[in-house]
N, C-alpha and C. Protein backbone atom coordinates (compact mmCIF):
# COMPACT_ATOMS: atom_id res chain seq x y z
N UNK A 1 -37.91 -45.76 -25.26
CA UNK A 1 -36.81 -45.17 -25.79
C UNK A 1 -36.94 -43.48 -24.58
N UNK A 2 -37.89 -42.59 -24.71
CA UNK A 2 -38.23 -42.15 -24.05
C UNK A 2 -37.62 -42.26 -22.21
N UNK A 3 -37.42 -43.42 -21.83
CA UNK A 3 -37.21 -43.72 -20.93
C UNK A 3 -35.84 -43.52 -20.97
N UNK A 4 -35.03 -43.69 -21.72
CA UNK A 4 -33.73 -43.60 -21.85
C UNK A 4 -33.27 -42.55 -22.30
N UNK A 5 -34.18 -41.37 -22.31
CA UNK A 5 -33.97 -39.84 -23.03
C UNK A 5 -34.10 -39.36 -21.97
N UNK A 6 -35.16 -39.66 -21.14
CA UNK A 6 -35.31 -38.96 -19.43
C UNK A 6 -34.06 -39.78 -18.77
N UNK A 7 -33.29 -40.53 -18.94
CA UNK A 7 -32.46 -41.57 -18.00
C UNK A 7 -31.07 -40.36 -18.32
N UNK A 8 -30.98 -40.22 -19.58
CA UNK A 8 -29.48 -38.94 -19.72
C UNK A 8 -30.09 -37.67 -19.21
N UNK A 9 -30.76 -37.39 -18.89
CA UNK A 9 -31.54 -36.18 -18.58
C UNK A 9 -31.10 -35.92 -17.18
N UNK A 10 -31.71 -37.42 -16.59
CA UNK A 10 -31.41 -37.21 -14.78
C UNK A 10 -30.10 -37.68 -14.68
N UNK A 11 -29.61 -37.93 -15.24
CA UNK A 11 -27.98 -38.32 -15.01
C UNK A 11 -27.28 -37.37 -15.05
N UNK A 12 -27.50 -36.21 -16.22
CA UNK A 12 -27.33 -34.86 -15.91
C UNK A 12 -27.50 -34.21 -14.79
N UNK A 13 -28.80 -34.20 -14.36
CA UNK A 13 -29.22 -33.26 -13.35
C UNK A 13 -28.17 -34.46 -11.97
N UNK A 14 -28.23 -35.42 -12.20
CA UNK A 14 -27.56 -36.23 -10.95
C UNK A 14 -26.24 -35.68 -10.80
N UNK A 15 -25.51 -35.78 -11.50
CA UNK A 15 -24.07 -34.92 -11.92
C UNK A 15 -23.90 -33.60 -11.43
N UNK A 16 -24.84 -32.98 -11.91
CA UNK A 16 -24.99 -31.59 -11.41
C UNK A 16 -25.11 -31.61 -9.58
N UNK A 17 -26.17 -32.04 -9.29
CA UNK A 17 -26.53 -32.31 -7.94
C UNK A 17 -25.43 -32.55 -7.01
N UNK A 18 -24.58 -33.83 -7.60
CA UNK A 18 -23.64 -34.25 -6.82
C UNK A 18 -22.15 -32.96 -6.74
N UNK A 19 -22.02 -32.12 -7.75
CA UNK A 19 -21.38 -31.44 -7.63
C UNK A 19 -21.56 -29.90 -6.63
N UNK A 20 -22.70 -29.80 -6.83
CA UNK A 20 -23.66 -28.95 -6.03
C UNK A 20 -23.41 -29.12 -4.51
N UNK A 21 -23.67 -30.59 -4.20
CA UNK A 21 -23.06 -30.89 -2.86
C UNK A 21 -21.91 -30.99 -2.42
N UNK A 22 -20.66 -30.83 -3.42
CA UNK A 22 -19.63 -30.82 -2.93
C UNK A 22 -19.18 -29.68 -2.63
N UNK A 23 -19.43 -28.83 -2.99
CA UNK A 23 -19.63 -27.26 -3.41
C UNK A 23 -20.57 -26.66 -2.04
N UNK A 24 -21.26 -27.02 -1.80
CA UNK A 24 -22.00 -26.49 -0.70
C UNK A 24 -21.24 -27.55 0.60
N UNK A 25 -21.16 -28.84 0.48
CA UNK A 25 -20.21 -28.96 1.53
C UNK A 25 -19.12 -28.35 2.11
N UNK A 26 -18.28 -28.05 1.19
CA UNK A 26 -16.75 -27.28 1.44
C UNK A 26 -17.04 -25.77 1.95
N UNK A 27 -18.14 -25.09 1.27
CA UNK A 27 -18.54 -23.52 1.89
C UNK A 27 -18.83 -24.24 3.20
N UNK A 28 -19.96 -25.12 3.91
CA UNK A 28 -20.26 -25.12 4.85
C UNK A 28 -19.02 -25.26 5.94
N UNK A 29 -18.07 -25.87 5.39
CA UNK A 29 -16.94 -26.32 6.37
C UNK A 29 -15.72 -25.63 6.03
N UNK A 30 -16.09 -24.44 5.40
CA UNK A 30 -14.84 -23.67 4.84
C UNK A 30 -15.18 -22.80 6.63
N UNK A 31 -16.25 -22.81 7.11
CA UNK A 31 -16.01 -21.75 8.75
C UNK A 31 -15.48 -22.79 9.87
N UNK A 32 -15.26 -24.05 9.68
CA UNK A 32 -14.36 -25.22 9.98
C UNK A 32 -12.98 -25.17 9.83
N UNK A 33 -12.99 -25.49 8.80
CA UNK A 33 -11.60 -25.44 8.47
C UNK A 33 -10.64 -24.13 8.92
N UNK A 34 -11.06 -22.98 8.36
CA UNK A 34 -10.50 -21.46 8.98
C UNK A 34 -10.32 -21.77 10.62
N UNK A 35 -11.44 -21.96 11.34
CA UNK A 35 -10.81 -22.72 12.80
C UNK A 35 -10.07 -23.43 13.54
N UNK A 36 -9.57 -24.40 12.51
CA UNK A 36 -8.74 -25.54 12.57
C UNK A 36 -7.72 -24.54 12.31
N UNK A 37 -7.32 -24.69 11.26
CA UNK A 37 -6.26 -23.14 10.79
C UNK A 37 -5.51 -22.36 11.56
N UNK A 38 -6.89 -21.43 12.08
CA UNK A 38 -6.34 -20.67 13.22
C UNK A 38 -5.80 -21.39 14.39
N UNK A 39 -6.57 -22.29 14.85
CA UNK A 39 -5.98 -22.83 15.92
C UNK A 39 -4.42 -23.38 16.03
N UNK A 40 -4.00 -23.99 15.28
CA UNK A 40 -2.52 -24.16 15.00
C UNK A 40 -2.05 -23.26 14.66
N UNK A 41 -2.21 -22.22 13.90
CA UNK A 41 -1.39 -20.66 14.15
C UNK A 41 -1.23 -20.52 15.21
N UNK A 42 -2.49 -20.27 16.26
CA UNK A 42 -2.64 -19.79 17.29
C UNK A 42 -1.36 -20.72 18.51
N UNK A 43 -1.48 -21.92 18.34
CA UNK A 43 -0.66 -22.98 19.01
C UNK A 43 0.95 -22.65 18.37
N UNK A 44 0.77 -22.41 17.58
CA UNK A 44 2.24 -22.13 17.43
C UNK A 44 2.99 -20.76 17.67
N UNK A 45 2.15 -19.80 17.65
CA UNK A 45 2.43 -18.72 17.72
C UNK A 45 2.33 -18.49 19.60
N UNK A 46 1.86 -19.35 20.57
CA UNK A 46 1.53 -19.14 21.94
C UNK A 46 3.15 -20.01 21.91
N UNK A 47 4.14 -20.66 21.11
CA UNK A 47 5.26 -21.18 21.50
C UNK A 47 6.38 -20.71 20.92
N UNK A 48 5.87 -19.39 19.88
CA UNK A 48 7.00 -18.59 18.85
C UNK A 48 6.29 -17.28 18.94
N UNK A 49 7.21 -16.36 19.30
CA UNK A 49 6.69 -15.00 18.76
C UNK A 49 7.80 -14.01 19.49
N UNK A 50 7.58 -12.92 18.83
CA UNK A 50 8.84 -12.08 19.04
C UNK A 50 8.58 -11.21 20.46
N UNK A 51 7.77 -11.57 21.72
CA UNK A 51 7.80 -11.05 23.00
C UNK A 51 8.61 -13.02 24.22
N UNK A 52 8.10 -12.40 24.93
CA UNK A 52 8.20 -13.80 25.82
C UNK A 52 6.94 -15.09 25.68
N UNK A 53 7.11 -15.53 25.28
CA UNK A 53 6.23 -16.94 25.08
C UNK A 53 5.25 -17.04 26.04
N UNK A 54 3.93 -17.28 25.85
CA UNK A 54 3.00 -17.72 26.42
C UNK A 54 3.02 -19.29 27.05
N UNK A 55 3.29 -19.81 26.45
CA UNK A 55 3.39 -21.35 26.51
C UNK A 55 4.98 -21.82 25.76
N UNK A 56 5.66 -22.99 26.63
CA UNK A 56 6.44 -23.87 26.02
C UNK A 56 7.81 -23.72 26.75
N UNK A 57 8.96 -23.85 26.51
CA UNK A 57 10.17 -23.65 26.86
C UNK A 57 10.93 -22.45 27.19
N UNK A 58 10.42 -21.96 26.55
CA UNK A 58 10.48 -20.57 25.86
C UNK A 58 10.20 -19.51 27.25
N UNK A 59 9.30 -19.64 28.08
CA UNK A 59 8.47 -18.64 28.36
C UNK A 59 8.83 -17.95 29.85
N UNK A 60 10.18 -18.76 30.04
CA UNK A 60 10.99 -18.19 31.58
C UNK A 60 12.70 -18.02 31.26
N UNK A 61 12.47 -17.46 29.80
CA UNK A 61 14.00 -17.29 29.53
C UNK A 61 14.90 -16.30 30.20
N UNK A 62 13.64 -15.40 30.64
CA UNK A 62 14.47 -14.35 31.27
C UNK A 62 15.24 -14.87 32.44
N UNK A 63 14.75 -15.93 32.78
CA UNK A 63 15.45 -16.22 34.49
C UNK A 63 16.24 -17.09 34.16
N UNK A 64 16.99 -17.38 33.08
CA UNK A 64 18.13 -18.38 33.06
C UNK A 64 19.51 -18.02 33.40
N UNK A 65 19.61 -16.75 33.03
CA UNK A 65 21.04 -16.20 33.97
C UNK A 65 20.93 -15.92 34.94
N UNK A 66 19.93 -15.34 35.25
CA UNK A 66 19.89 -15.12 36.69
C UNK A 66 20.24 -16.52 37.87
N UNK A 67 19.42 -17.46 37.03
CA UNK A 67 18.99 -18.73 37.89
C UNK A 67 20.58 -19.07 37.40
N UNK A 68 21.13 -19.12 36.67
CA UNK A 68 23.13 -19.75 36.48
C UNK A 68 23.77 -19.24 37.12
N UNK A 69 23.56 -17.64 37.64
CA UNK A 69 24.33 -17.42 38.16
C UNK A 69 24.45 -17.11 39.81
N UNK A 70 23.16 -17.52 40.52
CA UNK A 70 22.88 -17.99 41.72
C UNK A 70 23.39 -18.80 41.80
N UNK A 71 23.04 -20.44 40.90
CA UNK A 71 23.67 -21.52 41.08
C UNK A 71 25.30 -21.49 40.81
N UNK A 72 25.81 -20.57 40.38
CA UNK A 72 27.49 -20.71 40.08
C UNK A 72 27.51 -20.26 41.62
N UNK A 73 26.89 -19.13 42.27
CA UNK A 73 27.73 -18.54 43.61
C UNK A 73 27.38 -19.49 44.46
N UNK A 74 26.03 -20.32 44.48
CA UNK A 74 25.91 -21.40 45.55
C UNK A 74 27.04 -22.40 45.39
N UNK A 75 27.63 -22.74 44.42
CA UNK A 75 28.88 -23.41 44.10
C UNK A 75 29.67 -23.34 44.82
N UNK A 76 30.07 -21.78 44.51
CA UNK A 76 31.44 -21.45 45.23
C UNK A 76 31.19 -21.74 46.20
N UNK A 77 30.27 -21.48 47.22
CA UNK A 77 30.06 -21.29 48.06
C UNK A 77 30.32 -22.22 48.81
N UNK A 78 29.54 -23.46 48.36
CA UNK A 78 29.58 -25.12 48.46
C UNK A 78 31.07 -25.52 48.63
N UNK A 79 31.93 -25.34 48.10
CA UNK A 79 32.80 -25.35 47.54
C UNK A 79 34.40 -24.73 48.45
N UNK A 80 34.31 -23.61 48.69
CA UNK A 80 35.07 -23.04 49.34
C UNK A 80 35.85 -23.44 50.28
N UNK A 81 35.80 -24.40 51.14
CA UNK A 81 36.06 -25.43 52.15
C UNK A 81 37.18 -25.89 51.73
N UNK A 82 37.03 -26.37 50.03
CA UNK A 82 38.25 -26.97 49.59
C UNK A 82 39.26 -25.83 48.92
N UNK A 83 39.14 -24.27 48.97
CA UNK A 83 40.03 -24.14 48.00
C UNK A 83 41.08 -23.56 49.31
N UNK A 84 40.15 -23.14 50.67
CA UNK A 84 40.51 -23.11 51.64
C UNK A 84 41.72 -23.76 51.97
N UNK A 85 41.76 -25.37 52.32
CA UNK A 85 42.12 -26.30 52.01
C UNK A 85 43.32 -25.96 51.30
N UNK A 86 43.44 -26.39 49.86
CA UNK A 86 44.24 -26.09 49.15
C UNK A 86 45.39 -24.61 49.45
N UNK A 87 44.88 -23.35 49.36
CA UNK A 87 45.56 -22.33 49.91
C UNK A 87 46.38 -22.77 50.97
N UNK A 88 45.91 -23.33 52.08
CA UNK A 88 46.35 -23.56 53.36
C UNK A 88 47.47 -24.32 53.39
N UNK A 89 47.16 -25.36 52.11
CA UNK A 89 48.79 -26.34 52.00
C UNK A 89 49.63 -25.56 51.36
N UNK A 90 49.37 -24.46 50.49
CA UNK A 90 50.48 -24.06 49.84
C UNK A 90 51.20 -22.76 50.54
N UNK A 91 50.30 -22.29 51.31
CA UNK A 91 51.03 -21.44 52.46
C UNK A 91 51.95 -22.29 53.67
N UNK A 92 51.64 -23.49 54.15
CA UNK A 92 52.13 -24.13 54.73
C UNK A 92 53.33 -24.62 54.17
N UNK A 93 53.62 -24.95 53.29
CA UNK A 93 54.83 -25.12 52.00
C UNK A 93 55.40 -24.11 51.92
N UNK A 94 54.84 -22.75 52.27
CA UNK A 94 55.92 -21.41 51.84
C UNK A 94 56.49 -20.85 53.11
N UNK A 95 57.93 -21.00 53.13
CA UNK A 95 58.31 -20.86 54.34
C UNK A 95 58.55 -19.07 54.48
N UNK A 96 59.43 -18.54 53.56
CA UNK A 96 59.36 -17.57 53.41
C UNK A 96 58.78 -16.67 52.08
N UNK A 97 58.43 -15.36 51.57
CA UNK A 97 57.87 -15.15 50.32
C UNK A 97 59.03 -14.00 50.36
N UNK A 98 59.52 -13.90 49.01
CA UNK A 98 60.74 -13.19 48.77
C UNK A 98 60.22 -12.17 47.33
N UNK A 99 60.52 -11.10 47.16
CA UNK A 99 60.16 -10.05 46.03
C UNK A 99 60.88 -9.60 45.52
N UNK A 100 61.26 -9.25 44.42
CA UNK A 100 62.33 -8.71 43.61
C UNK A 100 63.37 -8.04 44.18
N UNK A 101 63.05 -7.49 45.10
CA UNK A 101 63.98 -6.63 45.66
C UNK A 101 64.30 -6.94 46.76
N UNK A 102 64.86 -8.50 47.34
CA UNK A 102 64.88 -9.32 48.66
C UNK A 102 64.46 -8.74 50.04
N UNK A 103 63.15 -8.02 49.89
CA UNK A 103 62.60 -7.86 51.00
C UNK A 103 61.71 -9.32 51.26
N UNK A 104 61.46 -9.19 52.55
CA UNK A 104 61.43 -10.90 52.94
C UNK A 104 59.68 -10.50 53.67
N UNK A 105 58.47 -11.24 53.78
CA UNK A 105 57.23 -10.95 54.54
C UNK A 105 57.05 -12.45 55.50
N UNK A 106 57.56 -12.14 56.54
CA UNK A 106 57.43 -13.02 57.62
C UNK A 106 56.29 -13.08 58.70
N UNK A 107 55.38 -12.53 57.58
CA UNK A 107 53.79 -12.39 58.50
C UNK A 107 53.05 -14.32 58.91
N UNK A 108 53.03 -14.40 59.86
CA UNK A 108 52.38 -15.80 60.47
C UNK A 108 53.14 -16.91 60.36
N UNK A 109 54.68 -16.18 61.12
CA UNK A 109 55.66 -17.67 60.88
C UNK A 109 55.90 -17.46 62.57
N UNK A 110 55.40 -18.05 63.19
CA UNK A 110 56.08 -18.29 64.83
C UNK A 110 57.04 -19.28 65.00
N UNK A 111 57.72 -18.54 66.17
CA UNK A 111 58.88 -19.66 66.22
C UNK A 111 59.02 -21.03 67.25
N UNK A 112 59.59 -21.77 67.39
CA UNK A 112 59.22 -23.19 67.73
C UNK A 112 60.27 -23.13 69.04
N UNK A 113 59.58 -24.15 70.20
CA UNK A 113 60.32 -24.23 70.86
C UNK A 113 61.12 -25.76 70.75
N UNK A 114 62.68 -25.63 70.74
CA UNK A 114 63.59 -26.70 70.18
C UNK A 114 64.49 -26.95 71.16
N UNK A 115 64.85 -28.12 71.75
CA UNK A 115 65.84 -28.69 72.64
C UNK A 115 66.89 -28.58 71.71
N UNK A 116 68.02 -28.00 72.76
CA UNK A 116 69.53 -28.28 72.36
C UNK A 116 70.12 -27.01 72.43
N UNK A 117 70.89 -26.66 72.05
CA UNK A 117 72.02 -26.07 71.61
C UNK A 117 71.25 -24.99 71.56
N UNK A 118 71.44 -23.18 72.11
CA UNK A 118 70.86 -22.47 71.31
C UNK A 118 71.30 -21.45 70.19
N UNK A 119 72.39 -22.56 69.41
CA UNK A 119 72.97 -21.77 67.77
C UNK A 119 72.08 -22.09 67.01
N UNK A 120 72.28 -22.14 65.55
CA UNK A 120 71.72 -22.98 64.76
C UNK A 120 72.34 -22.78 63.47
N UNK A 121 71.78 -23.69 62.53
CA UNK A 121 72.63 -24.28 61.40
C UNK A 121 71.68 -23.52 60.58
N UNK A 122 73.03 -22.59 59.18
CA UNK A 122 72.75 -22.30 58.14
C UNK A 122 73.23 -22.82 56.62
N UNK A 123 72.34 -23.53 55.62
CA UNK A 123 72.92 -24.17 54.24
C UNK A 123 71.98 -23.03 53.49
N UNK A 124 73.08 -22.42 52.50
CA UNK A 124 72.78 -21.75 51.51
C UNK A 124 73.10 -22.87 50.32
N UNK A 125 72.24 -22.97 49.47
CA UNK A 125 72.37 -23.57 48.16
C UNK A 125 71.94 -22.87 47.07
N UNK A 126 73.40 -22.85 46.42
CA UNK A 126 72.90 -21.55 45.02
C UNK A 126 72.77 -22.23 43.64
N UNK A 127 71.23 -22.00 43.20
CA UNK A 127 71.12 -22.61 42.14
C UNK A 127 71.36 -22.54 40.87
N UNK A 128 71.28 -23.05 39.90
CA UNK A 128 71.52 -22.89 38.06
C UNK A 128 71.23 -22.04 37.88
N UNK A 129 70.02 -21.45 38.19
CA UNK A 129 69.22 -20.05 37.89
C UNK A 129 69.24 -19.00 39.06
N UNK A 130 70.71 -18.91 39.04
CA UNK A 130 71.12 -17.28 40.11
C UNK A 130 70.35 -17.21 41.22
N UNK A 131 69.56 -18.35 42.08
CA UNK A 131 68.80 -18.24 42.65
C UNK A 131 69.48 -18.92 43.94
N UNK A 132 69.17 -18.86 44.92
CA UNK A 132 69.57 -19.85 46.16
C UNK A 132 68.55 -19.96 47.25
N UNK A 133 69.18 -21.07 47.78
CA UNK A 133 67.80 -21.81 48.39
C UNK A 133 68.76 -21.62 49.99
N UNK A 134 67.75 -21.26 51.23
CA UNK A 134 68.54 -20.87 52.22
C UNK A 134 67.24 -21.83 52.81
N UNK A 135 68.50 -23.16 54.11
CA UNK A 135 67.17 -23.72 55.08
C UNK A 135 68.46 -23.18 56.46
N UNK A 136 67.29 -22.81 57.21
CA UNK A 136 68.08 -22.50 58.34
C UNK A 136 66.83 -22.85 59.33
N UNK A 137 68.01 -23.63 60.56
CA UNK A 137 67.53 -24.51 61.60
C UNK A 137 67.68 -23.73 62.45
N UNK A 138 66.95 -23.23 63.83
CA UNK A 138 67.16 -22.48 64.78
C UNK A 138 66.95 -23.34 66.14
N UNK A 139 67.88 -23.34 67.04
CA UNK A 139 67.84 -24.08 68.07
C UNK A 139 67.89 -23.35 69.08
N UNK A 140 66.61 -22.73 69.78
CA UNK A 140 66.41 -22.28 70.98
C UNK A 140 65.69 -22.85 72.23
N UNK A 141 66.17 -22.29 73.14
CA UNK A 141 65.19 -23.14 74.13
C UNK A 141 63.73 -22.50 74.86
N UNK A 142 63.91 -21.32 73.89
CA UNK A 142 62.63 -20.56 73.96
C UNK A 142 61.88 -20.10 72.50
N UNK A 143 60.81 -19.89 72.60
CA UNK A 143 59.88 -19.05 71.70
C UNK A 143 60.72 -18.19 70.95
N UNK A 144 60.60 -17.89 69.34
CA UNK A 144 60.99 -16.46 69.11
C UNK A 144 60.35 -15.71 68.56
N UNK A 145 60.48 -14.61 69.11
CA UNK A 145 59.78 -13.55 68.33
C UNK A 145 59.59 -13.25 66.71
N UNK A 146 59.08 -12.58 66.30
CA UNK A 146 59.11 -12.66 64.90
C UNK A 146 60.13 -11.79 64.24
N UNK A 147 60.59 -11.07 65.64
CA UNK A 147 61.78 -9.30 65.18
C UNK A 147 62.77 -10.78 65.41
N UNK A 148 63.28 -11.78 66.11
CA UNK A 148 64.33 -12.31 66.01
C UNK A 148 64.33 -13.49 65.20
N UNK A 149 63.46 -14.20 64.47
CA UNK A 149 63.31 -14.98 63.38
C UNK A 149 63.86 -13.73 62.36
N UNK A 150 63.19 -12.70 61.94
CA UNK A 150 63.90 -12.15 60.70
C UNK A 150 65.03 -11.54 60.84
N UNK A 151 65.61 -11.15 62.13
CA UNK A 151 67.04 -10.76 61.91
C UNK A 151 68.21 -12.23 61.83
N UNK A 152 67.47 -13.19 62.50
CA UNK A 152 68.54 -14.58 62.34
C UNK A 152 68.68 -14.51 60.51
N UNK A 153 67.24 -14.91 59.93
CA UNK A 153 67.02 -15.04 58.71
C UNK A 153 67.77 -14.00 57.86
N UNK A 154 67.59 -12.50 58.41
CA UNK A 154 68.79 -11.37 57.64
C UNK A 154 69.88 -11.81 57.47
N UNK A 155 70.55 -12.36 58.70
CA UNK A 155 71.58 -12.41 58.43
C UNK A 155 72.44 -13.79 58.15
N UNK A 156 71.26 -14.99 58.14
CA UNK A 156 71.68 -16.39 57.32
C UNK A 156 71.79 -15.55 55.52
N UNK A 157 70.80 -14.87 55.29
CA UNK A 157 70.80 -14.28 53.61
C UNK A 157 71.93 -13.86 53.22
N UNK A 158 72.75 -12.87 54.44
CA UNK A 158 74.19 -11.94 54.20
C UNK A 158 75.40 -12.96 54.27
N UNK A 159 75.13 -13.82 54.35
CA UNK A 159 76.28 -14.44 54.42
C UNK A 159 76.71 -15.29 53.30
């Protein structure tokens, strides 16, 4: 019976020792746990904080807009020939440019050497919107100057 009473007392000591071992284990590991949590927090702070991050995709955010603008400018420079071709096609399609005061811009128009008589043909077409289309054919054995083209166009419009 003494042995059983001693066992009960020993069991109480064993339980206390187990609990104390757990407490000691936690206390000795608390520094390690704090280091782990600090490392996790530092890693997150490296990626997200209130200034330029040290690591991650946001470290160069200040370069995004200058890089974007440089890329846009490079794209415009590389595509300039397409714009020039399109504008040239529009300019070629236009024979006269009229403003609202019936002033005519003849810049860039040169005469053509066309065989045949020195006369010409003028066709005036009146459109439904009170505008008119003038088709003028100049048959001249020599190249016409801008002044001669202007005079002939003015006369055609006054018809």
